[in-house]
């Protein structure tokens, strides 16, 4: 158990560096129900990460074998996913149109708790295939040969420690409400501008990787990934 903790701590520190979740929490902190909405974002993220960790850990060996022996249908599915990502990226660009933004003024301020939870869960699902540190942690937990209950507890503790630094933002918002409100609002505005450009680019980049991976498989028989 001690060896597992020693190994997972540096992986956790690497995994925590997540600007997407940080942006989502700060976005929620710019709303009227700042504390509830930010907590909902973190709850959505934590729930998906924890449940996905259990599912992936149970099937880790099968997943590794699946990745080593891909089938043509898998790459057709990749192309469909890539198409959906491109559609979603184009939709984001359309939503970020300046003329539309005028009518959507105050979107962050009027953010709801349910939508905040969905935001946290969704950004986790989108980024999960690229959460390399998390896969490394799951691999270490499986290799440790712990009983199922201690293994789940280790995974739960990992997830709680993951969201802990982001929870400090909520504490700052509660203690320094007036001062932090102006700060978070300014940060939110700047991050929203950056996100409006960065998020579609990230989505298109992921779609391009999936398309390239599929194309190489169909042409050469050897995938990129």
Protein backbone atom coordinates (compact mmCIF):
# COMPACT_ATOMS: atom_id res chain seq x y z
CA UNK A 1 0.00 0.00 0.00
CA UNK A 2 2.83 2.42 0.92
CA UNK A 3 4.57 1.76 -2.39
CA UNK A 4 1.31 2.45 -4.22
CA UNK A 5 0.92 5.81 -2.44
CA UNK A 6 4.52 6.80 -3.22
CA UNK A 7 4.00 5.99 -6.90
CA UNK A 8 0.60 7.67 -7.28
CA UNK A 9 1.46 11.01 -5.63
CA UNK A 10 3.69 12.31 -8.46
CA UNK A 11 1.16 11.00 -10.99
CA UNK A 12 -1.59 12.89 -9.14
CA UNK A 13 0.43 16.12 -9.22
CA UNK A 14 0.82 15.71 -12.98
CA UNK A 15 -2.84 14.88 -13.47
CA UNK A 16 -4.03 17.92 -11.47
CA UNK A 17 -2.58 20.31 -14.03
CA UNK A 18 -5.90 20.64 -15.85
CA UNK A 19 -6.66 24.09 -17.31
CA UNK A 20 -10.00 22.89 -18.70
CA UNK A 21 -11.43 22.01 -15.27
CA UNK A 22 -9.94 25.19 -13.81
CA UNK A 23 -11.67 27.25 -16.49
CA UNK A 24 -14.98 25.47 -15.85
CA UNK A 25 -14.82 26.10 -12.09
CA UNK A 26 -13.94 29.77 -12.55
CA UNK A 27 -16.73 30.08 -15.12
CA UNK A 28 -19.19 28.69 -12.55
CA UNK A 29 -17.83 31.04 -9.88
CA UNK A 30 -18.87 33.95 -12.10
CA UNK A 31 -22.54 32.93 -11.81
CA UNK A 32 -25.18 34.04 -9.30
CA UNK A 33 -25.12 30.72 -7.42
CA UNK A 34 -21.34 30.63 -7.52
CA UNK A 35 -20.70 28.11 -4.74
CA UNK A 36 -23.43 25.64 -5.74
CA UNK A 37 -22.58 25.79 -9.44
CA UNK A 38 -18.83 25.42 -8.93
CA UNK A 39 -19.44 22.49 -6.58
CA UNK A 40 -21.76 20.96 -9.20
CA UNK A 41 -19.00 21.23 -11.82
CA UNK A 42 -16.55 19.45 -9.50
CA UNK A 43 -19.17 16.85 -8.54
CA UNK A 44 -19.92 16.05 -12.18
CA UNK A 45 -16.21 15.75 -12.91
CA UNK A 46 -15.51 13.59 -9.83
CA UNK A 47 -18.45 11.24 -10.40
CA UNK A 48 -17.49 10.53 -14.02
CA UNK A 49 -13.78 10.18 -13.20
CA UNK A 50 -14.45 7.80 -10.30
CA UNK A 51 -16.99 5.59 -12.12
CA UNK A 52 -14.87 5.56 -15.27
CA UNK A 53 -11.88 4.55 -13.15
CA UNK A 54 -13.75 1.55 -11.75
CA UNK A 55 -14.99 0.47 -15.18
CA UNK A 56 -11.58 0.93 -16.82
CA UNK A 57 -9.76 -0.85 -13.99
CA UNK A 58 -12.09 -3.86 -14.28
CA UNK A 59 -11.47 -4.10 -18.00
CA UNK A 60 -7.90 -2.79 -18.18
CA UNK A 61 -6.42 -6.04 -19.41
CA UNK A 62 -9.13 -6.44 -22.04
CA UNK A 63 -8.67 -2.80 -23.11
CA UNK A 64 -4.91 -3.28 -23.58
CA UNK A 65 -5.53 -6.42 -25.64
CA UNK A 66 -8.19 -4.57 -27.65
CA UNK A 67 -5.76 -1.71 -28.42
CA UNK A 68 -3.08 -4.19 -29.49
CA UNK A 69 -5.48 -6.02 -31.83
CA UNK A 70 -7.78 -3.42 -33.44
CA UNK A 71 -10.48 -4.36 -35.93
CA UNK A 72 -11.61 -2.44 -39.06
CA UNK A 73 -14.98 -1.65 -37.43
CA UNK A 74 -13.15 0.17 -34.63
CA UNK A 75 -11.68 2.64 -37.11
CA UNK A 76 -15.02 3.18 -38.84
CA UNK A 77 -16.39 4.09 -35.40
CA UNK A 78 -13.41 6.44 -34.96
CA UNK A 79 -14.32 8.21 -38.20
CA UNK A 80 -17.91 8.64 -36.99
CA UNK A 81 -16.64 10.07 -33.69
CA UNK A 82 -14.29 12.39 -35.60
CA UNK A 83 -17.23 13.60 -37.68
CA UNK A 84 -19.27 14.29 -34.54
CA UNK A 85 -16.33 16.19 -33.02
CA UNK A 86 -16.02 18.36 -36.14
CA UNK A 87 -19.76 19.05 -36.01
CA UNK A 88 -19.50 19.96 -32.33
CA UNK A 89 -16.49 22.21 -32.99
CA UNK A 90 -18.33 24.05 -35.76
CA UNK A 91 -21.32 24.43 -33.47
CA UNK A 92 -19.08 26.00 -30.81
CA UNK A 93 -17.69 28.46 -33.36
CA UNK A 94 -21.24 29.40 -34.38
CA UNK A 95 -22.25 29.88 -30.74
CA UNK A 96 -19.21 32.10 -30.19
CA UNK A 97 -20.32 34.46 -32.94
CA UNK A 98 -20.00 38.04 -31.56
CA UNK A 99 -23.48 39.00 -32.75
CA UNK A 100 -24.98 36.06 -30.90
CA UNK A 101 -22.96 36.84 -27.78
CA UNK A 102 -24.81 40.14 -27.45
CA UNK A 103 -28.08 38.27 -27.01
CA UNK A 104 -26.45 35.73 -24.67
CA UNK A 105 -25.04 38.38 -22.36
CA UNK A 106 -24.98 37.17 -18.77
CA UNK A 107 -24.83 33.48 -19.70
CA UNK A 108 -22.31 32.73 -16.93
CA UNK A 109 -24.28 34.79 -14.41
CA UNK A 110 -27.48 32.84 -15.10
CA UNK A 111 -25.80 29.42 -15.10
CA UNK A 112 -27.88 26.69 -13.41
CA UNK A 113 -26.71 23.95 -11.05
CA UNK A 114 -27.90 21.13 -13.32
CA UNK A 115 -26.10 22.58 -16.32
CA UNK A 116 -22.98 23.06 -14.20
CA UNK A 117 -23.02 19.37 -13.26
CA UNK A 118 -23.39 18.42 -16.93
CA UNK A 119 -20.48 20.72 -17.86
CA UNK A 120 -18.21 19.01 -15.33
CA UNK A 121 -19.26 15.53 -16.47
CA UNK A 122 -19.04 16.36 -20.17
CA UNK A 123 -15.56 17.91 -20.19
CA UNK A 124 -14.34 14.87 -18.26
CA UNK A 125 -15.83 12.45 -20.79
CA UNK A 126 -14.32 14.37 -23.69
CA UNK A 127 -10.86 14.40 -22.15
CA UNK A 128 -10.95 10.90 -20.63
CA UNK A 129 -9.31 9.09 -23.59
CA UNK A 130 -6.32 11.41 -23.20
CA UNK A 131 -6.04 11.17 -19.40
CA UNK A 132 -2.72 9.31 -19.55
CA UNK A 133 -1.81 9.90 -15.86
CA UNK A 134 -5.15 8.41 -14.79
CA UNK A 135 -4.52 5.29 -16.85
CA UNK A 136 -1.11 5.03 -15.17
CA UNK A 137 -2.74 5.20 -11.72
CA UNK A 138 -5.30 2.55 -12.65
CA UNK A 139 -2.51 0.33 -13.91
CA UNK A 140 -0.65 0.69 -10.59
CA UNK A 141 -3.81 -0.08 -8.59
CA UNK A 142 -4.46 -3.23 -10.64
CA UNK A 143 -0.84 -4.34 -10.31
CA UNK A 144 -0.93 -3.86 -6.53
CA UNK A 145 -3.31 -6.86 -6.21
CA UNK A 146 -5.37 -5.16 -3.51
CA UNK A 147 -8.76 -6.53 -2.49
CA UNK A 148 -11.67 -4.84 -4.25
CA UNK A 149 -12.69 -2.61 -1.31
CA UNK A 150 -9.20 -1.17 -0.57
CA UNK A 151 -8.66 -0.69 -4.32
CA UNK A 152 -11.90 1.30 -4.62
CA UNK A 153 -10.98 3.35 -1.54
CA UNK A 154 -7.57 4.19 -3.06
CA UNK A 155 -9.29 5.26 -6.27
CA UNK A 156 -11.83 7.36 -4.34
CA UNK A 157 -9.09 9.06 -2.30
CA UNK A 158 -7.19 9.80 -5.51
CA UNK A 159 -10.27 11.46 -7.01
CA UNK A 160 -10.97 13.48 -3.86
CA UNK A 161 -7.36 14.69 -3.73
CA UNK A 162 -7.69 15.56 -7.41
CA UNK A 163 -10.56 18.01 -6.91
CA UNK A 164 -9.22 19.37 -3.59
CA UNK A 165 -7.04 22.15 -5.10
CA UNK A 166 -9.96 23.29 -7.26
CA UNK A 167 -12.19 23.30 -4.15
CA UNK A 168 -9.91 25.94 -2.64
CA UNK A 169 -11.30 28.36 -5.22
CA UNK A 170 -14.74 27.84 -3.67
CA UNK A 171 -13.31 28.60 -0.23
CA UNK A 172 -11.77 31.81 -1.53
CA UNK A 173 -15.13 32.74 -3.04
CA UNK A 174 -16.91 32.16 0.30
CA UNK A 175 -14.38 33.98 2.48
CA UNK A 176 -13.63 36.90 0.16
CA UNK A 177 -16.96 37.18 -1.61
CA UNK A 178 -16.88 40.82 -2.72
CA UNK A 179 -13.19 40.93 -3.59
CA UNK A 180 -13.10 37.53 -5.30
CA UNK A 181 -16.25 38.23 -7.30
CA UNK A 182 -14.57 40.97 -9.31
CA UNK A 183 -11.39 38.91 -9.72
CA UNK A 184 -13.20 35.76 -10.86
CA UNK A 185 -15.40 37.76 -13.21
CA UNK A 186 -12.35 39.27 -14.93
CA UNK A 187 -10.56 35.92 -15.09
CA UNK A 188 -13.72 34.30 -16.42
CA UNK A 189 -14.07 36.89 -19.18
CA UNK A 190 -10.47 36.42 -20.30
CA UNK A 191 -10.60 32.62 -20.10
CA UNK A 192 -13.88 32.60 -21.99
CA UNK A 193 -12.28 34.58 -24.84
CA UNK A 194 -9.34 32.18 -24.91
CA UNK A 195 -11.63 29.16 -24.60
CA UNK A 196 -13.77 30.35 -27.51
CA UNK A 197 -10.68 29.99 -29.69
CA UNK A 198 -8.87 27.15 -27.94
CA UNK A 199 -11.71 24.65 -27.42
CA UNK A 200 -12.69 24.34 -31.12
CA UNK A 201 -8.99 23.99 -32.01
CA UNK A 202 -8.53 21.20 -29.46
CA UNK A 203 -11.66 19.43 -30.71
CA UNK A 204 -10.53 19.74 -34.35
CA UNK A 205 -7.04 18.48 -33.40
CA UNK A 206 -8.54 15.39 -31.72
CA UNK A 207 -10.74 14.79 -34.78
CA UNK A 208 -7.70 15.13 -37.08
CA UNK A 209 -5.75 12.58 -35.01
CA UNK A 210 -8.64 10.11 -35.18
CA UNK A 211 -9.02 10.60 -38.94
CA UNK A 212 -5.27 10.21 -39.51
CA UNK A 213 -5.20 7.11 -37.32
CA UNK A 214 -8.05 5.52 -39.27
CA UNK A 215 -6.62 6.52 -42.67
CA UNK A 216 -3.21 5.03 -41.87
CA UNK A 217 -4.86 1.79 -40.75
CA UNK A 218 -6.93 1.47 -43.93
CA UNK A 219 -3.96 2.39 -46.18
CA UNK A 220 -1.03 0.66 -44.48
CA UNK A 221 -2.66 -1.68 -41.96
CA UNK A 222 -0.74 0.04 -39.15
CA UNK A 223 -2.59 2.69 -37.07
CA UNK A 224 -1.05 5.88 -35.76
CA UNK A 225 -2.07 5.28 -32.15
